[in-house]
Amino acid sequence: MAKKMKACKRCNAITDENECPLCGSEVAKEWQGYLIVIEHEHSELARKMGISTNGKFALKVRE
């Protein structure tokens, strides 16, 4: 059975862990949208979202 993916409440990183592997913050089970960043240096959307690393991110995370 696949694990339910969660999203970090601070940086929006998507993970299956109970704590964010990027910033160590709390994660939420409720999130919407899915963004894969391959080259954050060249991504306008990543810049606008404050993303400074490559990876998988949620567009909206519920507190």
PDB file of N, CA and C in Angstrom:
ATOM      1  N   MET A   1       0.844  -1.180   0.000  1.00  0.00           N
ATOM      2  CA  MET A   1       0.000   0.000   0.000  1.00  0.00           C
ATOM      3  C   MET A   1       0.890   1.245   0.000  1.00  0.00           C
ATOM      4  N   ALA A   2       0.558   2.198  -0.832  1.00  0.00           N
ATOM      5  CA  ALA A   2       1.342   3.432  -0.944  1.00  0.00           C
ATOM      6  C   ALA A   2       1.102   4.331   0.265  1.00  0.00           C
ATOM      7  N   LYS A   3       2.150   5.030   0.660  1.00  0.00           N
ATOM      8  CA  LYS A   3       2.032   5.964   1.776  1.00  0.00           C
ATOM      9  C   LYS A   3       1.323   7.226   1.314  1.00  0.00           C
ATOM     10  N   LYS A   4       0.573   7.837   2.209  1.00  0.00           N
ATOM     11  CA  LYS A   4      -0.112   9.099   1.917  1.00  0.00           C
ATOM     12  C   LYS A   4       0.923  10.213   1.969  1.00  0.00           C
ATOM     13  N   MET A   5       0.999  10.976   0.899  1.00  0.00           N
ATOM     14  CA  MET A   5       1.956  12.070   0.824  1.00  0.00           C
ATOM     15  C   MET A   5       1.449  13.248   1.644  1.00  0.00           C
ATOM     16  N   LYS A   6       2.385  13.973   2.255  1.00  0.00           N
ATOM     17  CA  LYS A   6       2.088  15.134   3.086  1.00  0.00           C
ATOM     18  C   LYS A   6       2.894  16.309   2.562  1.00  0.00           C
ATOM     19  N   ALA A   7       2.531  17.505   2.974  1.00  0.00           N
ATOM     20  CA  ALA A   7       3.242  18.706   2.531  1.00  0.00           C
ATOM     21  C   ALA A   7       3.652  19.537   3.739  1.00  0.00           C
ATOM     22  N   CYS A   8       4.834  20.111   3.657  1.00  0.00           N
ATOM     23  CA  CYS A   8       5.371  20.939   4.734  1.00  0.00           C
ATOM     24  C   CYS A   8       4.563  22.226   4.859  1.00  0.00           C
ATOM     25  N   LYS A   9       4.250  22.601   6.077  1.00  0.00           N
ATOM     26  CA  LYS A   9       3.489  23.822   6.327  1.00  0.00           C
ATOM     27  C   LYS A   9       4.331  25.079   6.108  1.00  0.00           C
ATOM     28  N   ARG A  10       5.648  24.962   6.151  1.00  0.00           N
ATOM     29  CA  ARG A  10       6.515  26.125   5.974  1.00  0.00           C
ATOM     30  C   ARG A  10       7.007  26.275   4.534  1.00  0.00           C
ATOM     31  N   CYS A  11       7.595  25.222   3.965  1.00  0.00           N
ATOM     32  CA  CYS A  11       8.234  25.357   2.644  1.00  0.00           C
ATOM     33  C   CYS A  11       7.476  24.649   1.518  1.00  0.00           C
ATOM     34  N   ASN A  12       6.359  23.970   1.832  1.00  0.00           N
ATOM     35  CA  ASN A  12       5.498  23.283   0.859  1.00  0.00           C
ATOM     36  C   ASN A  12       6.122  22.036   0.228  1.00  0.00           C
ATOM     37  N   ALA A  13       7.254  21.578   0.695  1.00  0.00           N
ATOM     38  CA  ALA A  13       7.867  20.362   0.153  1.00  0.00           C
ATOM     39  C   ALA A  13       6.955  19.165   0.411  1.00  0.00           C
ATOM     40  N   ILE A  14       6.862  18.275  -0.562  1.00  0.00           N
ATOM     41  CA  ILE A  14       6.033  17.083  -0.434  1.00  0.00           C
ATOM     42  C   ILE A  14       6.903  15.923   0.030  1.00  0.00           C
ATOM     43  N   THR A  15       6.392  15.179   1.017  1.00  0.00           N
ATOM     44  CA  THR A  15       7.135  14.077   1.610  1.00  0.00           C
ATOM     45  C   THR A  15       6.169  13.025   2.134  1.00  0.00           C
ATOM     46  N   ASP A  16       6.689  11.835   2.421  1.00  0.00           N
ATOM     47  CA  ASP A  16       5.870  10.829   3.093  1.00  0.00           C
ATOM     48  C   ASP A  16       6.304  10.697   4.557  1.00  0.00           C
ATOM     49  N   GLU A  17       7.224  11.538   4.977  1.00  0.00           N
ATOM     50  CA  GLU A  17       7.716  11.544   6.359  1.00  0.00           C
ATOM     51  C   GLU A  17       6.771  12.332   7.264  1.00  0.00           C
ATOM     52  N   ASN A  18       6.981  12.254   8.575  1.00  0.00           N
ATOM     53  CA  ASN A  18       6.179  13.004   9.542  1.00  0.00           C
ATOM     54  C   ASN A  18       6.800  14.346   9.888  1.00  0.00           C
ATOM     55  N   GLU A  19       7.933  14.644   9.287  1.00  0.00           N
ATOM     56  CA  GLU A  19       8.631  15.916   9.459  1.00  0.00           C
ATOM     57  C   GLU A  19       9.279  16.258   8.124  1.00  0.00           C
ATOM     58  N   CYS A  20       9.326  17.549   7.790  1.00  0.00           N
ATOM     59  CA  CYS A  20       9.887  17.963   6.501  1.00  0.00           C
ATOM     60  C   CYS A  20      11.382  17.663   6.433  1.00  0.00           C
ATOM     61  N   PRO A  21      11.835  16.970   5.375  1.00  0.00           N
ATOM     62  CA  PRO A  21      13.260  16.669   5.238  1.00  0.00           C
ATOM     63  C   PRO A  21      14.091  17.898   4.840  1.00  0.00           C
ATOM     64  N   LEU A  22      13.443  18.951   4.326  1.00  0.00           N
ATOM     65  CA  LEU A  22      14.178  20.146   3.906  1.00  0.00           C
ATOM     66  C   LEU A  22      14.375  21.152   5.035  1.00  0.00           C
ATOM     67  N   CYS A  23      13.299  21.415   5.794  1.00  0.00           N
ATOM     68  CA  CYS A  23      13.407  22.462   6.823  1.00  0.00           C
ATOM     69  C   CYS A  23      13.085  21.975   8.232  1.00  0.00           C
ATOM     70  N   GLY A  24      12.617  20.739   8.375  1.00  0.00           N
ATOM     71  CA  GLY A  24      12.347  20.176   9.691  1.00  0.00           C
ATOM     72  C   GLY A  24      11.021  20.592  10.306  1.00  0.00           C
ATOM     73  N   SER A  25      10.180  21.279   9.542  1.00  0.00           N
ATOM     74  CA  SER A  25       8.902  21.762  10.069  1.00  0.00           C
ATOM     75  C   SER A  25       7.830  20.676  10.062  1.00  0.00           C
ATOM     76  N   GLU A  26       6.704  21.029  10.645  1.00  0.00           N
ATOM     77  CA  GLU A  26       5.533  20.162  10.707  1.00  0.00           C
ATOM     78  C   GLU A  26       4.931  19.999   9.312  1.00  0.00           C
ATOM     79  N   VAL A  27       4.339  18.840   9.054  1.00  0.00           N
ATOM     80  CA  VAL A  27       3.708  18.583   7.762  1.00  0.00           C
ATOM     81  C   VAL A  27       2.194  18.470   7.924  1.00  0.00           C
ATOM     82  N   ALA A  28       1.479  18.683   6.828  1.00  0.00           N
ATOM     83  CA  ALA A  28       0.020  18.590   6.819  1.00  0.00           C
ATOM     84  C   ALA A  28      -0.424  17.519   5.842  1.00  0.00           C
ATOM     85  N   LYS A  29      -1.516  16.846   6.167  1.00  0.00           N
ATOM     86  CA  LYS A  29      -2.067  15.825   5.275  1.00  0.00           C
ATOM     87  C   LYS A  29      -2.913  16.446   4.175  1.00  0.00           C
ATOM     88  N   GLU A  30      -3.415  17.652   4.407  1.00  0.00           N
ATOM     89  CA  GLU A  30      -4.292  18.324   3.443  1.00  0.00           C
ATOM     90  C   GLU A  30      -3.506  19.341   2.628  1.00  0.00           C
ATOM     91  N   TRP A  31      -3.415  19.108   1.325  1.00  0.00           N
ATOM     92  CA  TRP A  31      -2.719  20.030   0.427  1.00  0.00           C
ATOM     93  C   TRP A  31      -3.301  19.892  -0.966  1.00  0.00           C
ATOM     94  N   GLN A  32      -3.021  20.891  -1.817  1.00  0.00           N
ATOM     95  CA  GLN A  32      -3.555  20.893  -3.173  1.00  0.00           C
ATOM     96  C   GLN A  32      -2.470  21.291  -4.163  1.00  0.00           C
ATOM     97  N   GLY A  33      -2.581  20.802  -5.381  1.00  0.00           N
ATOM     98  CA  GLY A  33      -1.650  21.149  -6.453  1.00  0.00           C
ATOM     99  C   GLY A  33      -0.320  20.442  -6.296  1.00  0.00           C
ATOM    100  N   TYR A  34       0.380  20.297  -7.401  1.00  0.00           N
ATOM    101  CA  TYR A  34       1.630  19.543  -7.401  1.00  0.00           C
ATOM    102  C   TYR A  34       2.593  20.216  -8.360  1.00  0.00           C
ATOM    103  N   LEU A  35       3.744  20.595  -7.863  1.00  0.00           N
ATOM    104  CA  LEU A  35       4.750  21.272  -8.678  1.00  0.00           C
ATOM    105  C   LEU A  35       6.067  20.516  -8.553  1.00  0.00           C
ATOM    106  N   ILE A  36       6.639  20.150  -9.692  1.00  0.00           N
ATOM    107  CA  ILE A  36       7.961  19.532  -9.692  1.00  0.00           C
ATOM    108  C   ILE A  36       8.933  20.575 -10.228  1.00  0.00           C
ATOM    109  N   VAL A  37       9.913  20.935  -9.422  1.00  0.00           N
ATOM    110  CA  VAL A  37      10.911  21.921  -9.814  1.00  0.00           C
ATOM    111  C   VAL A  37      12.186  21.188 -10.186  1.00  0.00           C
ATOM    112  N   ILE A  38      12.624  21.369 -11.421  1.00  0.00           N
ATOM    113  CA  ILE A  38      13.827  20.695 -11.918  1.00  0.00           C
ATOM    114  C   ILE A  38      15.030  21.630 -11.884  1.00  0.00           C
ATOM    115  N   GLU A  39      14.824  22.894 -12.261  1.00  0.00           N
ATOM    116  CA  GLU A  39      15.896  23.892 -12.237  1.00  0.00           C
ATOM    117  C   GLU A  39      15.370  25.145 -11.537  1.00  0.00           C
ATOM    118  N   HIS A  40      15.484  25.181 -10.213  1.00  0.00           N
ATOM    119  CA  HIS A  40      14.914  26.295  -9.456  1.00  0.00           C
ATOM    120  C   HIS A  40      15.544  27.641  -9.815  1.00  0.00           C
ATOM    121  N   GLU A  41      16.778  27.620 -10.296  1.00  0.00           N
ATOM    122  CA  GLU A  41      17.461  28.862 -10.651  1.00  0.00           C
ATOM    123  C   GLU A  41      16.791  29.559 -11.836  1.00  0.00           C
ATOM    124  N   HIS A  42      16.110  28.798 -12.684  1.00  0.00           N
ATOM    125  CA  HIS A  42      15.516  29.334 -13.907  1.00  0.00           C
ATOM    126  C   HIS A  42      13.984  29.334 -13.874  1.00  0.00           C
ATOM    127  N   SER A  43      13.404  29.022 -12.738  1.00  0.00           N
ATOM    128  CA  SER A  43      11.950  28.919 -12.642  1.00  0.00           C
ATOM    129  C   SER A  43      11.354  30.172 -12.011  1.00  0.00           C
ATOM    130  N   GLU A  44      10.520  30.849 -12.782  1.00  0.00           N
ATOM    131  CA  GLU A  44       9.834  32.044 -12.277  1.00  0.00           C
ATOM    132  C   GLU A  44       8.843  31.668 -11.177  1.00  0.00           C
ATOM    133  N   LEU A  45       8.142  30.561 -11.342  1.00  0.00           N
ATOM    134  CA  LEU A  45       7.191  30.119 -10.335  1.00  0.00           C
ATOM    135  C   LEU A  45       7.896  29.749  -9.033  1.00  0.00           C
ATOM    136  N   ALA A  46       9.024  29.054  -9.129  1.00  0.00           N
ATOM    137  CA  ALA A  46       9.788  28.709  -7.924  1.00  0.00           C
ATOM    138  C   ALA A  46      10.249  29.968  -7.203  1.00  0.00           C
ATOM    139  N   ARG A  47      10.691  30.959  -7.947  1.00  0.00           N
ATOM    140  CA  ARG A  47      11.124  32.219  -7.336  1.00  0.00           C
ATOM    141  C   ARG A  47       9.966  32.898  -6.620  1.00  0.00           C
ATOM    142  N   LYS A  48       8.795  32.946  -7.259  1.00  0.00           N
ATOM    143  CA  LYS A  48       7.628  33.573  -6.658  1.00  0.00           C
ATOM    144  C   LYS A  48       7.156  32.846  -5.408  1.00  0.00           C
ATOM    145  N   MET A  49       7.342  31.525  -5.376  1.00  0.00           N
ATOM    146  CA  MET A  49       6.937  30.734  -4.211  1.00  0.00           C
ATOM    147  C   MET A  49       8.012  30.692  -3.134  1.00  0.00           C
ATOM    148  N   GLY A  50       9.190  31.243  -3.420  1.00  0.00           N
ATOM    149  CA  GLY A  50      10.277  31.231  -2.441  1.00  0.00           C
ATOM    150  C   GLY A  50      11.009  29.907  -2.375  1.00  0.00           C
ATOM    151  N   ILE A  51      10.947  29.125  -3.439  1.00  0.00           N
ATOM    152  CA  ILE A  51      11.593  27.814  -3.488  1.00  0.00           C
ATOM    153  C   ILE A  51      13.032  27.987  -3.968  1.00  0.00           C
ATOM    154  N   SER A  52      13.978  27.476  -3.183  1.00  0.00           N
ATOM    155  CA  SER A  52      15.391  27.639  -3.535  1.00  0.00           C
ATOM    156  C   SER A  52      16.100  26.306  -3.715  1.00  0.00           C
ATOM    157  N   THR A  53      15.341  25.256  -3.991  1.00  0.00           N
ATOM    158  CA  THR A  53      15.915  23.939  -4.220  1.00  0.00           C
ATOM    159  C   THR A  53      15.019  23.169  -5.187  1.00  0.00           C
ATOM    160  N   ASN A  54      15.548  22.178  -5.828  1.00  0.00           N
ATOM    161  CA  ASN A  54      14.769  21.338  -6.723  1.00  0.00           C
ATOM    162  C   ASN A  54      13.990  20.315  -5.903  1.00  0.00           C
ATOM    163  N   GLY A  55      12.850  19.876  -6.409  1.00  0.00           N
ATOM    164  CA  GLY A  55      12.070  18.871  -5.709  1.00  0.00           C
ATOM    165  C   GLY A  55      10.597  18.940  -6.029  1.00  0.00           C
ATOM    166  N   LYS A  56       9.786  18.299  -5.195  1.00  0.00           N
ATOM    167  CA  LYS A  56       8.334  18.254  -5.349  1.00  0.00           C
ATOM    168  C   LYS A  56       7.703  19.144  -4.299  1.00  0.00           C
ATOM    169  N   PHE A  57       6.738  19.981  -4.725  1.00  0.00           N
ATOM    170  CA  PHE A  57       6.139  20.950  -3.818  1.00  0.00           C
ATOM    171  C   PHE A  57       4.639  21.030  -4.039  1.00  0.00           C
ATOM    172  N   ALA A  58       3.917  21.337  -2.965  1.00  0.00           N
ATOM    173  CA  ALA A  58       2.474  21.579  -3.027  1.00  0.00           C
ATOM    174  C   ALA A  58       2.253  23.051  -3.343  1.00  0.00           C
ATOM    175  N   LEU A  59       1.208  23.333  -4.097  1.00  0.00           N
ATOM    176  CA  LEU A  59       0.878  24.723  -4.401  1.00  0.00           C
ATOM    177  C   LEU A  59       0.146  25.387  -3.244  1.00  0.00           C
ATOM    178  N   LYS A  60      -0.646  24.598  -2.489  1.00  0.00           N
ATOM    179  CA  LYS A  60      -1.393  25.136  -1.369  1.00  0.00           C
ATOM    180  C   LYS A  60      -1.417  24.097  -0.249  1.00  0.00           C
ATOM    181  N   VAL A  61      -1.090  24.523   0.964  1.00  0.00           N
ATOM    182  CA  VAL A  61      -1.076  23.629   2.119  1.00  0.00           C
ATOM    183  C   VAL A  61      -2.037  24.173   3.166  1.00  0.00           C
ATOM    184  N   ARG A  62      -2.896  23.301   3.671  1.00  0.00           N
ATOM    185  CA  ARG A  62      -3.829  23.699   4.731  1.00  0.00           C
ATOM    186  C   ARG A  62      -3.161  23.537   6.075  1.00  0.00           C
ATOM    187  N   GLU A  63      -3.355  24.499   6.921  1.00  0.00           N
ATOM    188  CA  GLU A  63      -2.791  24.487   8.273  1.00  0.00           C
ATOM    189  C   GLU A  63      -3.558  23.528   9.087  1.00  0.00           C
TER     190      GLU A  63
END
